[in-house]
PDB file of N, CA and C in Angstrom:
ATOM      1  N   MET A   1      14.455  -7.145   6.175  1.00  0.00           N
ATOM      2  CA  MET A   1      14.806  -5.797   5.755  1.00  0.00           C
ATOM      3  C   MET A   1      14.033  -5.458   4.484  1.00  0.00           C
ATOM      4  N   ILE A   2      13.414  -4.324   4.465  1.00  0.00           N
ATOM      5  CA  ILE A   2      12.682  -3.855   3.295  1.00  0.00           C
ATOM      6  C   ILE A   2      13.453  -2.657   2.751  1.00  0.00           C
ATOM      7  N   PRO A   3      13.988  -2.758   1.539  1.00  0.00           N
ATOM      8  CA  PRO A   3      14.800  -1.654   1.019  1.00  0.00           C
ATOM      9  C   PRO A   3      13.969  -0.429   0.643  1.00  0.00           C
ATOM     10  N   SER A   4      14.537   0.736   0.869  1.00  0.00           N
ATOM     11  CA  SER A   4      13.906   1.981   0.441  1.00  0.00           C
ATOM     12  C   SER A   4      13.747   1.965  -1.069  1.00  0.00           C
ATOM     13  N   GLY A   5      12.630   2.464  -1.543  1.00  0.00           N
ATOM     14  CA  GLY A   5      12.360   2.512  -2.974  1.00  0.00           C
ATOM     15  C   GLY A   5      11.605   1.314  -3.501  1.00  0.00           C
ATOM     16  N   ALA A   6      11.521   0.237  -2.713  1.00  0.00           N
ATOM     17  CA  ALA A   6      10.795  -0.957  -3.159  1.00  0.00           C
ATOM     18  C   ALA A   6       9.311  -0.641  -3.262  1.00  0.00           C
ATOM     19  N   ARG A   7       8.654  -1.152  -4.302  1.00  0.00           N
ATOM     20  CA  ARG A   7       7.204  -0.981  -4.443  1.00  0.00           C
ATOM     21  C   ARG A   7       6.536  -2.191  -3.812  1.00  0.00           C
ATOM     22  N   VAL A   8       5.624  -1.935  -2.882  1.00  0.00           N
ATOM     23  CA  VAL A   8       4.991  -3.008  -2.115  1.00  0.00           C
ATOM     24  C   VAL A   8       3.489  -2.781  -2.020  1.00  0.00           C
ATOM     25  N   VAL A   9       2.787  -3.855  -1.686  1.00  0.00           N
ATOM     26  CA  VAL A   9       1.396  -3.756  -1.269  1.00  0.00           C
ATOM     27  C   VAL A   9       1.373  -4.174   0.195  1.00  0.00           C
ATOM     28  N   VAL A  10       0.681  -3.376   1.008  1.00  0.00           N
ATOM     29  CA  VAL A  10       0.567  -3.637   2.439  1.00  0.00           C
ATOM     30  C   VAL A  10      -0.910  -3.803   2.752  1.00  0.00           C
ATOM     31  N   ARG A  11      -1.273  -4.943   3.306  1.00  0.00           N
ATOM     32  CA  ARG A  11      -2.664  -5.184   3.712  1.00  0.00           C
ATOM     33  C   ARG A  11      -2.730  -5.043   5.222  1.00  0.00           C
ATOM     34  N   CYS A  12      -3.627  -4.170   5.678  1.00  0.00           N
ATOM     35  CA  CYS A  12      -3.792  -3.901   7.106  1.00  0.00           C
ATOM     36  C   CYS A  12      -5.197  -4.284   7.548  1.00  0.00           C
ATOM     37  N   GLU A  13      -5.292  -4.788   8.771  1.00  0.00           N
ATOM     38  CA  GLU A  13      -6.607  -5.068   9.334  1.00  0.00           C
ATOM     39  C   GLU A  13      -7.321  -3.747   9.555  1.00  0.00           C
ATOM     40  N   ASP A  14      -8.619  -3.709   9.212  1.00  0.00           N
ATOM     41  CA  ASP A  14      -9.385  -2.471   9.294  1.00  0.00           C
ATOM     42  C   ASP A  14     -10.632  -2.646  10.166  1.00  0.00           C
ATOM     43  N   GLY A  15     -10.607  -3.648  11.028  1.00  0.00           N
ATOM     44  CA  GLY A  15     -11.728  -3.855  11.947  1.00  0.00           C
ATOM     45  C   GLY A  15     -12.699  -4.907  11.455  1.00  0.00           C
ATOM     46  N   VAL A  16     -13.675  -5.176  12.283  1.00  0.00           N
ATOM     47  CA  VAL A  16     -14.685  -6.195  11.984  1.00  0.00           C
ATOM     48  C   VAL A  16     -15.932  -5.512  11.421  1.00  0.00           C
ATOM     49  N   ASP A  17     -16.447  -6.058  10.315  1.00  0.00           N
ATOM     50  CA  ASP A  17     -17.677  -5.535   9.718  1.00  0.00           C
ATOM     51  C   ASP A  17     -18.837  -5.842  10.660  1.00  0.00           C
ATOM     52  N   GLU A  18     -19.588  -4.809  11.033  1.00  0.00           N
ATOM     53  CA  GLU A  18     -20.666  -4.994  12.006  1.00  0.00           C
ATOM     54  C   GLU A  18     -21.825  -5.832  11.483  1.00  0.00           C
ATOM     55  N   HIS A  19     -21.970  -5.923  10.160  1.00  0.00           N
ATOM     56  CA  HIS A  19     -23.084  -6.690   9.583  1.00  0.00           C
ATOM     57  C   HIS A  19     -22.727  -8.157   9.380  1.00  0.00           C
ATOM     58  N   THR A  20     -21.496  -8.427   8.950  1.00  0.00           N
ATOM     59  CA  THR A  20     -21.109  -9.810   8.646  1.00  0.00           C
ATOM     60  C   THR A  20     -20.287 -10.460   9.756  1.00  0.00           C
ATOM     61  N   GLY A  21     -19.688  -9.643  10.611  1.00  0.00           N
ATOM     62  CA  GLY A  21     -18.835 -10.188  11.665  1.00  0.00           C
ATOM     63  C   GLY A  21     -17.463 -10.618  11.157  1.00  0.00           C
ATOM     64  N   ARG A  22     -17.177 -10.311   9.901  1.00  0.00           N
ATOM     65  CA  ARG A  22     -15.897 -10.716   9.302  1.00  0.00           C
ATOM     66  C   ARG A  22     -14.891  -9.568   9.355  1.00  0.00           C
ATOM     67  N   MET A  23     -13.616  -9.940   9.443  1.00  0.00           N
ATOM     68  CA  MET A  23     -12.538  -8.956   9.439  1.00  0.00           C
ATOM     69  C   MET A  23     -12.497  -8.269   8.074  1.00  0.00           C
ATOM     70  N   THR A  24     -12.287  -6.970   8.072  1.00  0.00           N
ATOM     71  CA  THR A  24     -12.114  -6.220   6.834  1.00  0.00           C
ATOM     72  C   THR A  24     -10.669  -5.741   6.755  1.00  0.00           C
ATOM     73  N   TYR A  25     -10.229  -5.443   5.546  1.00  0.00           N
ATOM     74  CA  TYR A  25      -8.838  -5.063   5.316  1.00  0.00           C
ATOM     75  C   TYR A  25      -8.772  -3.820   4.442  1.00  0.00           C
ATOM     76  N   ARG A  26      -7.656  -3.114   4.543  1.00  0.00           N
ATOM     77  CA  ARG A  26      -7.368  -1.959   3.694  1.00  0.00           C
ATOM     78  C   ARG A  26      -5.996  -2.192   3.081  1.00  0.00           C
ATOM     79  N   ASP A  27      -5.900  -1.979   1.779  1.00  0.00           N
ATOM     80  CA  ASP A  27      -4.638  -2.165   1.065  1.00  0.00           C
ATOM     81  C   ASP A  27      -4.002  -0.830   0.715  1.00  0.00           C
ATOM     82  N   PHE A  28      -2.689  -0.774   0.843  1.00  0.00           N
ATOM     83  CA  PHE A  28      -1.901   0.389   0.471  1.00  0.00           C
ATOM     84  C   PHE A  28      -0.844  -0.077  -0.518  1.00  0.00           C
ATOM     85  N   VAL A  29      -0.751   0.583  -1.667  1.00  0.00           N
ATOM     86  CA  VAL A  29       0.270   0.260  -2.669  1.00  0.00           C
ATOM     87  C   VAL A  29       1.143   1.489  -2.834  1.00  0.00           C
ATOM     88  N   GLY A  30       2.452   1.284  -2.726  1.00  0.00           N
ATOM     89  CA  GLY A  30       3.343   2.424  -2.883  1.00  0.00           C
ATOM     90  C   GLY A  30       4.796   2.041  -2.713  1.00  0.00           C
ATOM     91  N   HIS A  31       5.626   3.060  -2.557  1.00  0.00           N
ATOM     92  CA  HIS A  31       7.075   2.874  -2.455  1.00  0.00           C
ATOM     93  C   HIS A  31       7.548   3.138  -1.032  1.00  0.00           C
ATOM     94  N   VAL A  32       8.382   2.240  -0.537  1.00  0.00           N
ATOM     95  CA  VAL A  32       8.923   2.347   0.817  1.00  0.00           C
ATOM     96  C   VAL A  32       9.856   3.553   0.898  1.00  0.00           C
ATOM     97  N   ILE A  33       9.617   4.391   1.893  1.00  0.00           N
ATOM     98  CA  ILE A  33      10.531   5.491   2.196  1.00  0.00           C
ATOM     99  C   ILE A  33      11.472   5.046   3.309  1.00  0.00           C
ATOM    100  N   ASN A  34      10.901   4.411   4.338  1.00  0.00           N
ATOM    101  CA  ASN A  34      11.706   3.948   5.459  1.00  0.00           C
ATOM    102  C   ASN A  34      10.966   2.838   6.195  1.00  0.00           C
ATOM    103  N   TRP A  35      11.724   1.892   6.725  1.00  0.00           N
ATOM    104  CA  TRP A  35      11.176   0.804   7.531  1.00  0.00           C
ATOM    105  C   TRP A  35      12.158   0.535   8.657  1.00  0.00           C
ATOM    106  N   ASN A  36      11.717   0.690   9.895  1.00  0.00           N
ATOM    107  CA  ASN A  36      12.605   0.456  11.035  1.00  0.00           C
ATOM    108  C   ASN A  36      12.220  -0.780  11.831  1.00  0.00           C
ATOM    109  N   GLY A  37      11.342  -1.601  11.293  1.00  0.00           N
ATOM    110  CA  GLY A  37      10.904  -2.810  11.976  1.00  0.00           C
ATOM    111  C   GLY A  37       9.678  -2.600  12.850  1.00  0.00           C
ATOM    112  N   GLU A  38       9.369  -1.354  13.161  1.00  0.00           N
ATOM    113  CA  GLU A  38       8.202  -1.032  13.973  1.00  0.00           C
ATOM    114  C   GLU A  38       7.193  -0.170  13.224  1.00  0.00           C
ATOM    115  N   ARG A  39       7.701   0.640  12.286  1.00  0.00           N
ATOM    116  CA  ARG A  39       6.837   1.544  11.531  1.00  0.00           C
ATOM    117  C   ARG A  39       7.325   1.615  10.090  1.00  0.00           C
ATOM    118  N   LEU A  40       6.366   1.541   9.174  1.00  0.00           N
ATOM    119  CA  LEU A  40       6.648   1.653   7.748  1.00  0.00           C
ATOM    120  C   LEU A  40       6.213   3.033   7.286  1.00  0.00           C
ATOM    121  N   LEU A  41       7.117   3.737   6.621  1.00  0.00           N
ATOM    122  CA  LEU A  41       6.796   5.023   6.009  1.00  0.00           C
ATOM    123  C   LEU A  41       6.696   4.754   4.516  1.00  0.00           C
ATOM    124  N   LEU A  42       5.532   5.008   3.939  1.00  0.00           N
ATOM    125  CA  LEU A  42       5.229   4.619   2.570  1.00  0.00           C
ATOM    126  C   LEU A  42       4.717   5.816   1.780  1.00  0.00           C
ATOM    127  N   ARG A  43       5.232   5.977   0.552  1.00  0.00           N
ATOM    128  CA  ARG A  43       4.674   6.963  -0.381  1.00  0.00           C
ATOM    129  C   ARG A  43       3.615   6.217  -1.182  1.00  0.00           C
ATOM    130  N   ARG A  44       2.365   6.388  -0.773  1.00  0.00           N
ATOM    131  CA  ARG A  44       1.247   5.675  -1.390  1.00  0.00           C
ATOM    132  C   ARG A  44       1.002   6.217  -2.788  1.00  0.00           C
ATOM    133  N   ASP A  45       0.927   5.311  -3.762  1.00  0.00           N
ATOM    134  CA  ASP A  45       0.685   5.698  -5.149  1.00  0.00           C
ATOM    135  C   ASP A  45      -0.687   6.343  -5.311  1.00  0.00           C
ATOM    136  N   ALA A  46      -0.762   7.318  -6.198  1.00  0.00           N
ATOM    137  CA  ALA A  46      -2.060   7.852  -6.601  1.00  0.00           C
ATOM    138  C   ALA A  46      -2.751   6.773  -7.433  1.00  0.00           C
ATOM    139  N   PRO A  47      -4.059   6.627  -7.320  1.00  0.00           N
ATOM    140  CA  PRO A  47      -4.736   5.623  -8.136  1.00  0.00           C
ATOM    141  C   PRO A  47      -4.699   5.989  -9.614  1.00  0.00           C
ATOM    142  N   ALA A  48      -4.789   4.986 -10.460  1.00  0.00           N
ATOM    143  CA  ALA A  48      -4.727   5.190 -11.911  1.00  0.00           C
ATOM    144  C   ALA A  48      -5.858   6.088 -12.410  1.00  0.00           C
ATOM    145  N   ASN A  49      -6.983   6.099 -11.701  1.00  0.00           N
ATOM    146  CA  ASN A  49      -8.113   6.925 -12.146  1.00  0.00           C
ATOM    147  C   ASN A  49      -8.021   8.368 -11.657  1.00  0.00           C
ATOM    148  N   GLY A  50      -6.985   8.695 -10.879  1.00  0.00           N
ATOM    149  CA  GLY A  50      -6.771  10.058 -10.428  1.00  0.00           C
ATOM    150  C   GLY A  50      -7.712  10.539  -9.339  1.00  0.00           C
ATOM    151  N   SER A  51      -8.341   9.624  -8.611  1.00  0.00           N
ATOM    152  CA  SER A  51      -9.320  10.024  -7.606  1.00  0.00           C
ATOM    153  C   SER A  51      -8.707  10.666  -6.358  1.00  0.00           C
ATOM    154  N   ARG A  52      -7.413  10.498  -6.138  1.00  0.00           N
ATOM    155  CA  ARG A  52      -6.715  11.169  -5.047  1.00  0.00           C
ATOM    156  C   ARG A  52      -5.237  11.273  -5.397  1.00  0.00           C
ATOM    157  N   PRO A  53      -4.528  12.234  -4.832  1.00  0.00           N
ATOM    158  CA  PRO A  53      -3.096  12.368  -5.106  1.00  0.00           C
ATOM    159  C   PRO A  53      -2.299  11.324  -4.319  1.00  0.00           C
ATOM    160  N   GLU A  54      -1.013  11.155  -4.679  1.00  0.00           N
ATOM    161  CA  GLU A  54      -0.172  10.289  -3.861  1.00  0.00           C
ATOM    162  C   GLU A  54      -0.086  10.911  -2.471  1.00  0.00           C
ATOM    163  N   GLN A  55       0.198  10.072  -1.472  1.00  0.00           N
ATOM    164  CA  GLN A  55       0.268  10.567  -0.104  1.00  0.00           C
ATOM    165  C   GLN A  55       1.288   9.779   0.701  1.00  0.00           C
ATOM    166  N   ILE A  56       1.780  10.392   1.751  1.00  0.00           N
ATOM    167  CA  ILE A  56       2.710   9.731   2.661  1.00  0.00           C
ATOM    168  C   ILE A  56       1.881   9.130   3.793  1.00  0.00           C
ATOM    169  N   VAL A  57       2.079   7.832   4.069  1.00  0.00           N
ATOM    170  CA  VAL A  57       1.352   7.173   5.156  1.00  0.00           C
ATOM    171  C   VAL A  57       2.336   6.486   6.091  1.00  0.00           C
ATOM    172  N   HIS A  58       1.990   6.474   7.374  1.00  0.00           N
ATOM    173  CA  HIS A  58       2.743   5.769   8.406  1.00  0.00           C
ATOM    174  C   HIS A  58       1.914   4.556   8.787  1.00  0.00           C
ATOM    175  N   ILE A  59       2.528   3.374   8.751  1.00  0.00           N
ATOM    176  CA  ILE A  59       1.806   2.146   9.086  1.00  0.00           C
ATOM    177  C   ILE A  59       2.583   1.427  10.179  1.00  0.00           C
ATOM    178  N   GLU A  60       1.915   1.172  11.282  1.00  0.00           N
ATOM    179  CA  GLU A  60       2.541   0.460  12.399  1.00  0.00           C
ATOM    180  C   GLU A  60       2.663  -1.030  12.055  1.00  0.00           C
ATOM    181  N   ALA A  61       3.773  -1.627  12.440  1.00  0.00           N
ATOM    182  CA  ALA A  61       4.034  -3.043  12.140  1.00  0.00           C
ATOM    183  C   ALA A  61       2.925  -3.933  12.684  1.00  0.00           C
ATOM    184  N   ARG A  62       2.392  -3.605  13.847  1.00  0.00           N
ATOM    185  CA  ARG A  62       1.355  -4.448  14.464  1.00  0.00           C
ATOM    186  C   ARG A  62       0.056  -4.470  13.645  1.00  0.00           C
ATOM    187  N   ASP A  63      -0.129  -3.478  12.760  1.00  0.00           N
ATOM    188  CA  ASP A  63      -1.340  -3.405  11.941  1.00  0.00           C
ATOM    189  C   ASP A  63      -1.197  -4.128  10.602  1.00  0.00           C
ATOM    190  N   ILE A  64       0.020  -4.564  10.259  1.00  0.00           N
ATOM    191  CA  ILE A  64       0.271  -5.186   8.962  1.00  0.00           C
ATOM    192  C   ILE A  64      -0.092  -6.668   9.006  1.00  0.00           C
ATOM    193  N   ALA A  65      -1.007  -7.072   8.109  1.00  0.00           N
ATOM    194  CA  ALA A  65      -1.380  -8.480   7.987  1.00  0.00           C
ATOM    195  C   ALA A  65      -0.516  -9.159   6.917  1.00  0.00           C
ATOM    196  N   VAL A  66      -0.289  -8.462   5.802  1.00  0.00           N
ATOM    197  CA  VAL A  66       0.506  -8.999   4.683  1.00  0.00           C
ATOM    198  C   VAL A  66       1.289  -7.851   4.065  1.00  0.00           C
ATOM    199  N   LEU A  67       2.531  -8.131   3.700  1.00  0.00           N
ATOM    200  CA  LEU A  67       3.354  -7.161   2.990  1.00  0.00           C
ATOM    201  C   LEU A  67       4.111  -7.930   1.926  1.00  0.00           C
ATOM    202  N   LYS A  68       3.989  -7.508   0.665  1.00  0.00           N
ATOM    203  CA  LYS A  68       4.715  -8.208  -0.388  1.00  0.00           C
ATOM    204  C   LYS A  68       5.095  -7.246  -1.500  1.00  0.00           C
ATOM    205  N   PRO A  69       6.169  -7.555  -2.218  1.00  0.00           N
ATOM    206  CA  PRO A  69       6.590  -6.704  -3.329  1.00  0.00           C
ATOM    207  C   PRO A  69       5.639  -6.846  -4.506  1.00  0.00           C
ATOM    208  N   VAL A  70       5.481  -5.760  -5.252  1.00  0.00           N
ATOM    209  CA  VAL A  70       4.671  -5.770  -6.470  1.00  0.00           C
ATOM    210  C   VAL A  70       5.447  -5.053  -7.564  1.00  0.00           C
ATOM    211  N   PRO A  71       5.201  -5.406  -8.819  1.00  0.00           N
ATOM    212  CA  PRO A  71       5.927  -4.751  -9.910  1.00  0.00           C
ATOM    213  C   PRO A  71       5.491  -3.305 -10.098  1.00  0.00           C
ATOM    214  N   GLU A  72       6.347  -2.545 -10.724  1.00  0.00           N
ATOM    215  CA  GLU A  72       6.023  -1.157 -11.052  1.00  0.00           C
ATOM    216  C   GLU A  72       4.811  -1.123 -11.971  1.00  0.00           C
ATOM    217  N   ARG A  73       4.042  -0.080 -11.871  1.00  0.00           N
ATOM    218  CA  ARG A  73       2.877   0.114 -12.715  1.00  0.00           C
ATOM    219  C   ARG A  73       3.339   0.393 -14.141  1.00  0.00           C
ATOM    220  N   THR A  74       2.666  -0.184 -15.103  1.00  0.00           N
ATOM    221  CA  THR A  74       2.975   0.100 -16.510  1.00  0.00           C
ATOM    222  C   THR A  74       2.000   1.156 -17.010  1.00  0.00           C
ATOM    223  N   PHE A  75       2.483   2.046 -17.824  1.00  0.00           N
ATOM    224  CA  PHE A  75       1.653   3.110 -18.361  1.00  0.00           C
ATOM    225  C   PHE A  75       1.409   2.857 -19.827  1.00  0.00           C
ATOM    226  N   ARG A  76       0.165   3.006 -20.244  1.00  0.00           N
ATOM    227  CA  ARG A  76      -0.192   2.821 -21.652  1.00  0.00           C
ATOM    228  C   ARG A  76      -0.193   4.175 -22.326  1.00  0.00           C
ATOM    229  N   THR A  77       0.245   4.177 -23.551  1.00  0.00           N
ATOM    230  CA  THR A  77       0.220   5.417 -24.353  1.00  0.00           C
ATOM    231  C   THR A  77      -0.790   5.270 -25.472  1.00  0.00           C
ATOM    232  N   GLN A  78      -1.047   6.344 -26.177  1.00  0.00           N
ATOM    233  CA  GLN A  78      -1.975   6.307 -27.308  1.00  0.00           C
ATOM    234  C   GLN A  78      -1.514   5.282 -28.359  1.00  0.00           C
ATOM    235  N   ASP A  79      -0.194   5.172 -28.558  1.00  0.00           N
ATOM    236  CA  ASP A  79       0.347   4.242 -29.545  1.00  0.00           C
ATOM    237  C   ASP A  79       0.370   2.812 -29.073  1.00  0.00           C
ATOM    238  N   ASN A  80       0.107   2.605 -27.775  1.00  0.00           N
ATOM    239  CA  ASN A  80       0.265   1.301 -27.153  1.00  0.00           C
ATOM    240  C   ASN A  80      -1.084   0.740 -26.715  1.00  0.00           C
ATOM    241  N   ASN A  81      -2.092   0.819 -27.550  1.00  0.00           N
ATOM    242  CA  ASN A  81      -3.436   0.356 -27.205  1.00  0.00           C
ATOM    243  C   ASN A  81      -3.431  -1.113 -27.281  1.00  0.00           C
TER     244      ASN A  81
END
Protein backbone atom coordinates (compact mmCIF):
# COMPACT_ATOMS: atom_id res chain seq x y z
CA MET A 1 0.00 0.00 0.00
CA ILE A 2 1.34 3.41 -0.94
CA PRO A 3 -0.29 6.19 1.09
CA SER A 4 -1.65 9.30 -0.59
CA GLY A 5 0.63 12.28 -0.05
CA ALA A 6 3.82 10.22 0.15
CA ARG A 7 6.74 11.67 -1.82
CA VAL A 8 8.31 9.00 -4.02
CA VAL A 9 10.67 8.47 -6.90
CA VAL A 10 9.40 6.14 -9.62
CA ARG A 11 11.82 4.69 -12.17
CA CYS A 12 10.17 3.44 -15.36
CA GLU A 13 11.65 1.54 -18.27
CA ASP A 14 11.88 3.86 -21.28
CA GLY A 15 12.98 1.44 -23.99
CA VAL A 16 16.28 0.24 -25.37
CA ASP A 17 18.87 2.76 -26.60
CA GLU A 18 19.39 2.05 -30.30
CA HIS A 19 23.11 2.92 -30.14
CA THR A 20 24.17 1.04 -27.00
CA GLY A 21 21.52 -1.68 -26.83
CA ARG A 22 21.06 -0.90 -23.13
CA MET A 23 17.77 -0.30 -21.34
CA THR A 24 17.06 3.35 -20.59
CA TYR A 25 14.96 4.68 -17.72
CA ARG A 26 12.89 7.75 -16.86
CA ASP A 27 12.50 8.97 -13.29
CA PHE A 28 9.47 10.74 -11.85
CA VAL A 29 9.62 12.46 -8.44
CA GLY A 30 6.43 13.63 -6.82
CA HIS A 31 3.56 13.04 -4.43
CA VAL A 32 1.16 10.11 -4.66
CA ILE A 33 -2.43 11.12 -5.37
CA ASN A 34 -3.77 7.59 -5.73
CA TRP A 35 -2.50 4.03 -6.12
CA ASN A 36 -4.85 1.13 -6.86
CA GLY A 37 -2.22 -1.54 -7.45
CA GLU A 38 -2.49 -1.22 -11.23
CA ARG A 39 -2.03 2.50 -11.85
CA LEU A 40 -0.20 5.22 -9.94
CA LEU A 41 -1.53 8.77 -10.10
CA LEU A 42 1.33 11.11 -9.22
CA ARG A 43 1.65 14.89 -8.87
CA ARG A 44 5.11 15.24 -10.40
CA ASP A 45 7.22 17.94 -8.75
CA ALA A 46 8.36 20.90 -10.80
CA PRO A 47 12.15 20.83 -11.13
CA ALA A 48 14.17 23.12 -8.88
CA ASN A 49 15.41 25.06 -11.92
CA GLY A 50 11.84 25.87 -13.01
CA SER A 51 12.18 24.32 -16.47
CA ARG A 52 8.61 22.93 -16.36
CA PRO A 53 5.59 23.23 -14.05
CA GLU A 54 4.38 20.43 -11.79
CA GLN A 55 2.17 17.96 -13.64
CA ILE A 56 -0.19 15.07 -13.03
CA VAL A 57 1.07 11.76 -14.49
CA HIS A 58 -0.50 8.31 -14.73
CA ILE A 59 1.98 5.43 -14.48
CA GLU A 60 0.98 1.84 -15.14
CA ALA A 61 2.27 -0.70 -12.60
CA ARG A 62 3.75 -2.85 -15.37
CA ASP A 63 6.03 0.06 -16.38
CA ILE A 64 7.47 0.59 -12.87
CA ALA A 65 10.99 -0.79 -12.36
CA VAL A 66 11.64 0.81 -8.94
CA LEU A 67 9.48 2.81 -6.54
CA LYS A 68 10.83 4.18 -3.27
CA PRO A 69 10.09 6.96 -0.79
CA VAL A 70 12.22 10.10 -0.84
CA PRO A 71 12.41 12.99 1.63
CA GLU A 72 10.71 16.29 1.02
CA ARG A 73 12.74 18.85 -0.89
CA THR A 74 14.46 21.44 1.29
CA PHE A 75 14.35 25.06 0.22
CA ARG A 76 17.25 27.42 0.77
CA THR A 77 16.68 31.05 1.61
CA GLN A 78 18.94 34.07 1.28
CA ASP A 79 19.74 33.78 5.01
CA ASN A 80 20.46 30.07 4.71
CA ASN A 81 23.44 30.04 2.31
